[in-house]
């Protein structure tokens, strides 16, 4: 079949070339009477394929020469001008859209605040209306507190309610009266000093986090009572506390770290063996004790542990919004951990034999891990044989954080790995690290190697 000849094509010495004649009036501008370029092939079909862009280039040169001579815009200049106009219009619309979104966010925030206020007004009738005696019981305020939280869409389990009740019971047993109306600011400061900050009969102190939780519970319930029940004043407004350093967790020392890992890997108890390998990455007990098989995956050949609520029950919550994250497994233990996971059925908890208490597994898992640490290994014991509250399984988190920082890992990345709400926690929620960055940081932890 004969190939149709492309215009402006010539066969010279068995090689096809493109030739375009320049009109006489444009020769002084272009500097040539003809424009030629070889296609580099003697195959006519291949030459026809290569010729169009060359021809278009030559015609554009002629077009530009004509534009210079006549003063009009070239086709390219026309297109570029229209493109610039379109881009400017686009930039204006983007700016308008950003301004609109900012205004919408301000409105959303204002509406949310108003709705929350209305929800608070929709709470059940005030206690003084229901109790002729005028006594304001902390138990009734706790019921209102639960309704208020649920009205805002915040999950509040019976276990959470029980913990709040326990904290308030301790306060009012100390005061000797259940009536919130009778509580003065001096009473609360006396309670913090004489009860929360004081040691018990065995010399044990509450941890700083436990003291903080007690104070938060007191402040939230008295604030709600003042707003809704209209107790005369809110005695908890200025309530603060000094952080006790007696029970701050310590890191494991350098000699104990490899020993704990080695002893754990020899254990027949999966929670002791795999739990220590995961905890040594900086994970909380609840984060792996309540995880499922599906939270350990392989992505691009790298084993990854997801700390997320997607596979958990409604009671198996995370500690904070900063807890939600993912970490790679250390290269020295990933095969062992993944082999254990592969032996579990689909949908199974990672540690199905851990006792469930009030819908959660973290308490039983923590007791088992700490008993092994203290009484099997003898780590974290005081001279009198009691467990040192500063050294527990939770010390793995402090150990991981301190080792990562000593290895030059940034605060942002070490906070991400351990799920801490550090100074960069806001950026951390939006600037997620890449897998190689996390993998390099995790693999720098020597005691796992």
Protein backbone atom coordinates (compact mmCIF):
# COMPACT_ATOMS: atom_id res chain seq x y z
CA UNK A 1 0.00 0.00 0.00
CA UNK A 2 1.42 3.36 -1.05
CA UNK A 3 2.03 5.87 1.77
CA UNK A 4 0.46 9.30 1.21
CA UNK A 5 3.10 11.99 0.95
CA UNK A 6 3.11 14.61 3.71
CA UNK A 7 3.23 18.26 2.47
CA UNK A 8 6.57 20.05 2.90
CA UNK A 9 8.49 16.73 2.70
CA UNK A 10 11.54 16.11 0.46
CA UNK A 11 13.70 13.03 -0.09
CA UNK A 12 17.36 14.08 -0.16
CA UNK A 13 20.10 11.45 -0.39
CA UNK A 14 17.57 8.83 0.69
CA UNK A 15 16.70 10.77 3.89
CA UNK A 16 13.41 12.61 4.29
CA UNK A 17 13.50 16.23 5.40
CA UNK A 18 10.98 19.00 6.12
CA UNK A 19 11.23 22.12 3.91
CA UNK A 20 9.10 25.25 4.32
CA UNK A 21 9.57 28.25 1.99
CA UNK A 22 9.62 31.61 3.82
CA UNK A 23 7.59 34.39 2.08
CA UNK A 24 9.88 37.09 0.71
CA UNK A 25 8.62 39.83 3.05
CA UNK A 26 9.54 37.74 6.13
CA UNK A 27 13.03 36.68 4.99
CA UNK A 28 14.76 39.77 6.53
CA UNK A 29 13.17 38.94 9.91
CA UNK A 30 13.80 35.17 9.92
CA UNK A 31 17.11 35.45 8.09
CA UNK A 32 16.47 32.50 5.78
CA UNK A 33 14.58 31.94 2.53
CA UNK A 34 13.78 28.35 3.45
CA UNK A 35 13.52 26.43 6.69
CA UNK A 36 14.73 22.83 6.55
CA UNK A 37 15.34 20.00 9.01
CA UNK A 38 16.11 16.32 8.52
CA UNK A 39 13.81 13.67 10.03
CA UNK A 40 16.80 11.32 10.21
CA UNK A 41 15.02 8.45 8.47
CA UNK A 42 14.60 7.12 4.94
CA UNK A 43 11.34 5.37 5.88
CA UNK A 44 8.52 7.48 4.49
CA UNK A 45 5.94 6.25 7.02
CA UNK A 46 8.28 7.04 9.93
CA UNK A 47 9.16 10.43 8.38
CA UNK A 48 5.45 11.29 8.10
CA UNK A 49 5.12 10.54 11.84
CA UNK A 50 8.06 12.77 12.78
CA UNK A 51 7.29 15.69 10.45
CA UNK A 52 4.19 17.39 12.01
CA UNK A 53 5.89 18.97 15.06
CA UNK A 54 8.73 20.24 12.83
CA UNK A 55 6.26 21.74 10.37
CA UNK A 56 4.31 23.36 13.26
CA UNK A 57 7.53 24.90 14.61
CA UNK A 58 8.43 26.38 11.20
CA UNK A 59 4.92 27.79 10.72
CA UNK A 60 5.11 29.35 14.17
CA UNK A 61 8.35 31.08 13.16
CA UNK A 62 6.65 32.46 10.05
CA UNK A 63 3.65 33.51 12.16
CA UNK A 64 5.90 35.37 14.61
CA UNK A 65 7.69 37.11 11.75
CA UNK A 66 4.34 38.23 10.31
CA UNK A 67 3.28 39.52 13.75
CA UNK A 68 6.45 41.59 14.06
CA UNK A 69 5.93 43.02 10.61
CA UNK A 70 2.23 43.83 11.05
CA UNK A 71 2.20 44.58 14.79
CA UNK A 72 -0.47 41.96 15.66
CA UNK A 73 -0.20 39.25 18.34
CA UNK A 74 0.94 35.79 17.40
CA UNK A 75 -1.27 32.82 18.12
CA UNK A 76 1.02 31.81 20.97
CA UNK A 77 0.92 35.30 22.48
CA UNK A 78 -2.87 35.28 22.26
CA UNK A 79 -3.08 31.93 24.04
CA UNK A 80 -0.59 33.03 26.72
CA UNK A 81 -2.54 36.22 27.36
CA UNK A 82 -5.82 34.31 27.69
CA UNK A 83 -4.14 31.79 30.00
CA UNK A 84 -2.84 34.60 32.22
CA UNK A 85 -6.36 36.06 32.43
CA UNK A 86 -7.81 32.68 33.36
CA UNK A 87 -5.13 32.10 36.02
CA UNK A 88 -5.74 35.54 37.53
CA UNK A 89 -9.47 34.81 37.64
CA UNK A 90 -8.72 31.43 39.25
CA UNK A 91 -6.50 33.05 41.91
CA UNK A 92 -9.24 35.56 42.73
CA UNK A 93 -11.79 32.76 43.11
CA UNK A 94 -9.42 30.75 45.30
CA UNK A 95 -8.95 33.78 47.56
CA UNK A 96 -12.72 34.28 47.71
CA UNK A 97 -13.23 30.60 48.54
CA UNK A 98 -10.64 30.72 51.36
CA UNK A 99 -12.30 33.81 52.82
CA UNK A 100 -15.70 32.10 52.60
CA UNK A 101 -14.38 28.96 54.32
CA UNK A 102 -12.81 31.04 57.09
CA UNK A 103 -16.11 32.84 57.65
CA UNK A 104 -17.99 29.52 57.59
CA UNK A 105 -15.62 28.09 60.21
CA UNK A 106 -16.19 31.12 62.46
CA UNK A 107 -19.94 30.69 62.08
CA UNK A 108 -19.69 26.96 62.76
CA UNK A 109 -17.75 27.63 65.95
CA UNK A 110 -20.29 30.22 67.09
CA UNK A 111 -23.20 27.88 66.36
CA UNK A 112 -21.49 25.01 68.17
CA UNK A 113 -21.01 27.17 71.27
CA UNK A 114 -24.66 28.23 71.13
CA UNK A 115 -25.88 24.64 70.69
CA UNK A 116 -23.77 23.50 73.63
CA UNK A 117 -25.29 26.24 75.74
CA UNK A 118 -28.80 25.25 74.68
CA UNK A 119 -28.07 21.60 75.40
CA UNK A 120 -26.97 22.56 78.89
CA UNK A 121 -30.26 24.42 79.35
CA UNK A 122 -32.13 21.28 78.23
CA UNK A 123 -30.76 19.23 81.11
CA UNK A 124 -33.27 17.77 83.62
CA UNK A 125 -34.85 20.11 86.20
CA UNK A 126 -32.62 21.57 88.87
CA UNK A 127 -32.13 19.51 91.96
CA UNK A 128 -33.54 22.23 94.22
CA UNK A 129 -36.83 21.95 92.32
CA UNK A 130 -36.95 18.20 92.89
CA UNK A 131 -35.68 18.13 96.48
CA UNK A 132 -37.64 20.30 98.97
CA UNK A 133 -34.81 19.95 101.49
CA UNK A 134 -32.52 21.93 99.17
CA UNK A 135 -29.69 19.45 99.60
CA UNK A 136 -27.54 19.19 96.48
CA UNK A 137 -26.15 15.66 96.35
CA UNK A 138 -23.02 14.93 94.34
CA UNK A 139 -24.68 11.71 93.09
CA UNK A 140 -27.43 13.71 91.38
CA UNK A 141 -24.86 16.09 89.87
CA UNK A 142 -22.96 13.12 88.47
CA UNK A 143 -26.16 11.95 86.75
CA UNK A 144 -26.50 15.43 85.22
CA UNK A 145 -22.84 15.36 84.21
CA UNK A 146 -23.37 12.07 82.34
CA UNK A 147 -26.44 13.48 80.52
CA UNK A 148 -24.54 16.64 79.62
CA UNK A 149 -21.60 14.73 78.15
CA UNK A 150 -23.89 12.43 76.17
CA UNK A 151 -25.86 15.41 74.84
CA UNK A 152 -22.58 16.65 73.33
CA UNK A 153 -21.99 13.28 71.66
CA UNK A 154 -19.21 12.25 74.06
CA UNK A 155 -19.29 8.57 74.94
CA UNK A 156 -19.64 8.16 78.71
CA UNK A 157 -19.69 4.56 79.88
CA UNK A 158 -20.87 3.26 83.23
CA UNK A 159 -17.22 2.62 84.05
CA UNK A 160 -16.44 6.32 83.49
CA UNK A 161 -19.39 7.26 85.70
CA UNK A 162 -18.19 4.86 88.42
CA UNK A 163 -14.71 6.40 88.38
CA UNK A 164 -16.19 9.89 88.71
CA UNK A 165 -18.42 8.71 91.56
CA UNK A 166 -15.47 7.12 93.35
CA UNK A 167 -13.50 10.38 93.21
CA UNK A 168 -16.38 12.45 94.56
CA UNK A 169 -17.19 9.87 97.25
CA UNK A 170 -13.64 10.19 98.51
CA UNK A 171 -14.04 13.97 98.72
CA UNK A 172 -17.34 13.93 100.61
CA UNK A 173 -16.26 11.15 102.96
CA UNK A 174 -13.32 13.39 103.85
CA UNK A 175 -15.64 16.37 104.39
CA UNK A 176 -18.24 14.34 106.28
CA UNK A 177 -21.26 15.78 104.44
CA UNK A 178 -22.88 15.02 101.07
CA UNK A 179 -24.32 18.51 100.47
CA UNK A 180 -22.44 20.41 97.77
CA UNK A 181 -24.01 23.69 99.00
CA UNK A 182 -21.97 23.53 102.19
CA UNK A 183 -18.58 23.12 100.50
CA UNK A 184 -16.30 26.15 100.74
CA UNK A 185 -13.11 26.90 98.82
CA UNK A 186 -11.06 26.30 101.97
CA UNK A 187 -12.59 22.82 102.27
CA UNK A 188 -11.37 21.84 98.80
CA UNK A 189 -7.85 23.15 99.41
CA UNK A 190 -7.76 21.26 102.70
CA UNK A 191 -8.88 18.08 100.90
CA UNK A 192 -6.15 18.40 98.28
CA UNK A 193 -3.46 19.04 100.88
CA UNK A 194 -4.54 16.53 103.54
CA UNK A 195 -5.88 13.73 101.33
CA UNK A 196 -4.71 13.87 97.71
CA UNK A 197 -1.15 15.02 98.42
CA UNK A 198 -0.73 13.00 101.61
CA UNK A 199 0.55 9.42 101.75
CA UNK A 200 -1.72 6.61 102.91
CA UNK A 201 -1.12 4.38 105.93
CA UNK A 202 1.40 2.33 103.92
CA UNK A 203 3.33 5.40 102.82
CA UNK A 204 2.09 5.33 99.20
CA UNK A 205 1.44 8.57 97.33
CA UNK A 206 -1.06 9.20 94.53
CA UNK A 207 0.57 9.71 91.17
CA UNK A 208 0.56 13.21 89.68
CA UNK A 209 -1.88 12.07 87.00
CA UNK A 210 -4.25 10.62 89.64
CA UNK A 211 -4.19 13.92 91.55
CA UNK A 212 -4.86 15.81 88.34
CA UNK A 213 -7.82 13.54 87.52
CA UNK A 214 -9.30 14.09 90.99
CA UNK A 215 -8.99 17.87 90.69
CA UNK A 216 -10.49 17.86 87.19
CA UNK A 217 -13.44 15.79 88.44
CA UNK A 218 -14.06 18.18 91.32
CA UNK A 219 -13.81 21.29 89.14
CA UNK A 220 -16.12 19.93 86.42
CA UNK A 221 -18.89 18.84 88.81
CA UNK A 222 -18.89 22.01 90.91
CA UNK A 223 -18.86 24.11 87.72
CA UNK A 224 -21.91 22.23 86.41
CA UNK A 225 -23.65 22.47 89.80
CA UNK A 226 -23.07 26.22 89.87
CA UNK A 227 -24.33 26.74 86.33
CA UNK A 228 -27.41 24.55 86.51
CA UNK A 229 -28.24 23.96 90.14
CA UNK A 230 -27.22 27.44 91.22
CA UNK A 231 -25.26 26.66 94.31
CA UNK A 232 -24.35 30.03 95.80
CA UNK A 233 -20.78 30.05 94.51
CA UNK A 234 -18.39 27.73 92.75
CA UNK A 235 -15.76 26.92 95.39
CA UNK A 236 -13.57 25.08 92.86
CA UNK A 237 -12.89 28.07 90.58
CA UNK A 238 -9.39 28.68 91.94
CA UNK A 239 -8.60 25.08 92.78
CA UNK A 240 -5.07 24.12 91.76
CA UNK A 241 -2.54 21.59 92.95
CA UNK A 242 1.18 21.03 93.13
CA UNK A 243 2.32 18.10 91.04
CA UNK A 244 3.78 15.40 93.24
CA UNK A 245 7.02 14.04 91.80
CA UNK A 246 7.10 11.06 94.15
CA UNK A 247 5.37 8.74 91.70
CA UNK A 248 6.60 10.10 88.39
CA UNK A 249 7.55 7.17 86.20
CA UNK A 250 11.23 6.46 85.67
CA UNK A 251 12.82 4.96 82.57
CA UNK A 252 14.28 1.47 82.81
CA UNK A 253 18.03 1.61 83.37
CA UNK A 254 20.39 0.54 80.59
CA UNK A 255 21.16 -2.83 82.20
CA UNK A 256 17.50 -3.78 82.72
CA UNK A 257 16.31 -2.94 79.19
CA UNK A 258 17.95 -5.83 77.28
CA UNK A 259 17.36 -8.16 80.22
CA UNK A 260 13.59 -7.51 80.19
CA UNK A 261 13.44 -8.09 76.42
CA UNK A 262 15.50 -11.30 76.62
CA UNK A 263 13.44 -12.74 79.51
CA UNK A 264 10.17 -11.76 77.83
CA UNK A 265 11.13 -13.57 74.61
CA UNK A 266 11.68 -16.75 76.63
CA UNK A 267 8.23 -16.55 78.25
CA UNK A 268 5.45 -18.96 77.29
CA UNK A 269 2.84 -16.26 78.01
CA UNK A 270 2.05 -14.39 74.76
CA UNK A 271 1.10 -11.24 76.69
CA UNK A 272 4.48 -11.19 78.44
CA UNK A 273 6.44 -12.05 75.30
CA UNK A 274 4.70 -9.97 72.62
CA UNK A 275 3.39 -7.34 75.04
CA UNK A 276 6.91 -6.37 76.10
CA UNK A 277 8.09 -6.24 72.48
CA UNK A 278 5.22 -3.86 71.63
CA UNK A 279 5.46 -1.88 74.87
CA UNK A 280 9.16 -1.28 74.25
CA UNK A 281 8.13 0.66 71.12
CA UNK A 282 6.44 3.21 73.45
CA UNK A 283 2.90 1.80 73.22
CA UNK A 284 0.49 2.02 76.16
CA UNK A 285 -0.88 -1.23 77.62
CA UNK A 286 -4.42 -0.44 76.45
CA UNK A 287 -3.16 0.32 72.94
CA UNK A 288 -1.95 -3.24 72.36
CA UNK A 289 -4.02 -5.19 74.91
CA UNK A 290 -7.24 -4.01 73.25
CA UNK A 291 -5.94 -4.18 69.69
CA UNK A 292 -7.00 -6.85 67.20
CA UNK A 293 -5.21 -8.95 64.65
CA UNK A 294 -6.24 -6.49 61.92
CA UNK A 295 -4.35 -3.63 63.64
CA UNK A 296 -1.06 -5.27 62.59
CA UNK A 297 -0.61 -5.06 58.83
CA UNK A 298 2.15 -5.13 56.25
CA UNK A 299 2.35 -2.06 54.02
CA UNK A 300 4.96 -1.85 51.26
CA UNK A 301 6.79 -4.72 52.93
CA UNK A 302 6.95 -2.98 56.33
CA UNK A 303 4.97 -4.30 59.35
CA UNK A 304 2.91 -1.49 60.86
CA UNK A 305 0.91 -1.33 64.10
CA UNK A 306 -2.16 0.91 63.99
CA UNK A 307 -3.35 2.60 67.18
CA UNK A 308 -6.92 3.32 66.19
CA UNK A 309 -10.49 2.73 67.34
CA UNK A 310 -11.70 1.30 64.04
CA UNK A 311 -11.40 -2.33 65.22
CA UNK A 312 -12.26 -1.71 68.89
CA UNK A 313 -15.47 -1.92 70.90
CA UNK A 314 -17.21 1.21 72.15
CA UNK A 315 -15.57 0.80 75.57
CA UNK A 316 -12.06 0.28 74.17
CA UNK A 317 -11.22 3.94 73.77
CA UNK A 318 -7.90 5.73 73.27
CA UNK A 319 -6.47 7.99 75.96
CA UNK A 320 -6.35 11.22 73.91
CA UNK A 321 -6.81 12.39 70.33
CA UNK A 322 -3.00 12.39 70.05
CA UNK A 323 -2.98 8.64 70.76
CA UNK A 324 -4.33 7.85 67.29
CA UNK A 325 -1.30 7.01 65.15
CA UNK A 326 0.72 4.20 63.56
CA UNK A 327 4.26 2.97 64.10
CA UNK A 328 6.50 0.55 62.28
CA UNK A 329 7.86 -2.51 64.08
CA UNK A 330 11.58 -2.71 64.90
CA UNK A 331 13.42 -4.80 62.34
CA UNK A 332 14.78 -7.12 65.06
CA UNK A 333 11.36 -8.19 66.37
CA UNK A 334 8.99 -7.75 63.44
CA UNK A 335 9.25 -11.39 62.28
CA UNK A 336 8.44 -12.68 65.76
CA UNK A 337 5.48 -10.34 66.25
CA UNK A 338 4.02 -10.97 62.79
CA UNK A 339 4.39 -14.75 63.20
CA UNK A 340 2.38 -14.50 66.42
CA UNK A 341 -0.27 -12.41 64.65
CA UNK A 342 -0.52 -14.92 61.80
CA UNK A 343 -1.42 -17.62 64.31
CA UNK A 344 -4.53 -15.73 65.45
CA UNK A 345 -7.96 -16.10 63.78
CA UNK A 346 -9.44 -13.17 61.88
CA UNK A 347 -11.11 -10.59 64.13
CA UNK A 348 -9.36 -11.88 67.26
CA UNK A 349 -7.92 -9.61 69.94
CA UNK A 350 -4.13 -9.78 69.98
CA UNK A 351 -4.37 -11.31 73.46
CA UNK A 352 -7.72 -13.10 73.63
CA UNK A 353 -7.02 -14.69 77.03
CA UNK A 354 -6.80 -11.34 78.86
CA UNK A 355 -9.68 -10.90 81.31
CA UNK A 356 -12.33 -8.34 80.38
CA UNK A 357 -13.24 -6.01 83.25
CA UNK A 358 -16.11 -3.57 82.70
CA UNK A 359 -15.68 -3.85 78.94
CA UNK A 360 -11.91 -3.28 78.95
CA UNK A 361 -8.77 -5.43 78.93
CA UNK A 362 -6.10 -2.92 79.90
CA UNK A 363 -6.46 -3.31 83.68
CA UNK A 364 -6.03 -7.10 83.74
CA UNK A 365 -3.20 -6.89 81.19
CA UNK A 366 -1.40 -4.21 83.20
CA UNK A 367 -1.64 -6.24 86.43
CA UNK A 368 -0.25 -9.33 84.71
CA UNK A 369 2.63 -7.47 83.08
CA UNK A 370 3.59 -5.62 86.27
CA UNK A 371 3.41 -8.76 88.41
CA UNK A 372 5.83 -10.45 86.00
CA UNK A 373 8.13 -7.43 85.97
CA UNK A 374 8.18 -6.95 89.75
CA UNK A 375 7.90 -10.45 91.15
CA UNK A 376 9.35 -12.69 88.42
CA UNK A 377 12.24 -10.46 87.35
CA UNK A 378 12.51 -8.51 90.60
CA UNK A 379 12.74 -5.21 88.71
CA UNK A 380 11.21 -2.14 90.35
CA UNK A 381 11.11 -3.43 93.94
CA UNK A 382 11.84 -1.30 97.00
CA UNK A 383 14.07 -2.62 99.84
CA UNK A 384 10.95 -3.69 101.78
CA UNK A 385 9.83 -5.87 98.85
CA UNK A 386 7.02 -3.57 97.73
CA UNK A 387 6.68 -2.40 94.14
CA UNK A 388 8.25 0.98 93.42
CA UNK A 389 5.44 3.09 91.86
CA UNK A 390 8.06 4.91 89.79
CA UNK A 391 9.09 1.72 87.96
CA UNK A 392 6.39 -0.24 86.18
CA UNK A 393 5.56 -1.57 82.73
CA UNK A 394 4.59 2.01 81.83
CA UNK A 395 8.29 2.88 82.19
CA UNK A 396 8.74 1.48 78.65
CA UNK A 397 7.05 4.64 77.32
CA UNK A 398 9.46 6.93 79.17
CA UNK A 399 12.36 4.72 78.10
CA UNK A 400 11.38 4.83 74.44
CA UNK A 401 10.89 8.61 74.53
CA UNK A 402 14.25 9.27 76.20
CA UNK A 403 16.14 6.88 73.89
CA UNK A 404 14.58 8.39 70.77
CA UNK A 405 15.54 11.90 71.87
CA UNK A 406 19.06 10.76 72.77
CA UNK A 407 19.35 9.33 69.26
CA UNK A 408 18.59 12.75 67.78
CA UNK A 409 14.95 12.08 66.88
CA UNK A 410 12.95 15.33 66.84
CA UNK A 411 10.31 16.10 69.46
CA UNK A 412 7.65 16.04 66.75
CA UNK A 413 8.56 12.52 65.66
CA UNK A 414 9.14 11.11 69.16
CA UNK A 415 5.78 12.55 70.26
CA UNK A 416 4.15 10.90 67.24
CA UNK A 417 5.72 7.49 67.99
CA UNK A 418 4.76 7.51 71.67
CA UNK A 419 1.43 9.30 71.27
CA UNK A 420 2.44 12.08 73.66
CA UNK A 421 0.72 15.47 73.55
CA UNK A 422 4.00 17.37 73.27
CA UNK A 423 4.56 21.00 72.23
CA UNK A 424 4.21 20.05 68.56
CA UNK A 425 1.00 18.09 69.02
CA UNK A 426 -1.09 20.47 66.88
CA UNK A 427 1.26 20.20 63.91
CA UNK A 428 1.54 16.46 64.52
CA UNK A 429 -2.16 15.99 63.73
CA UNK A 430 -1.67 17.48 60.26
CA UNK A 431 1.98 16.77 59.36
CA UNK A 432 2.09 12.99 59.41
CA UNK A 433 5.57 11.51 59.10
CA UNK A 434 6.50 9.16 56.29
CA UNK A 435 7.11 5.44 56.83
CA UNK A 436 10.92 5.60 56.23
CA UNK A 437 11.19 8.42 58.79
CA UNK A 438 9.38 6.40 61.48
CA UNK A 439 11.16 3.18 60.52
CA UNK A 440 14.60 4.79 60.90
CA UNK A 441 13.66 6.23 64.30
CA UNK A 442 12.24 2.93 65.60
CA UNK A 443 15.22 0.92 64.33
CA UNK A 444 17.55 3.24 66.25
CA UNK A 445 16.24 1.82 69.56
CA UNK A 446 19.18 -0.39 70.48
CA UNK A 447 17.59 -2.41 73.29
CA UNK A 448 15.17 -4.00 70.81
CA UNK A 449 17.99 -5.13 68.53
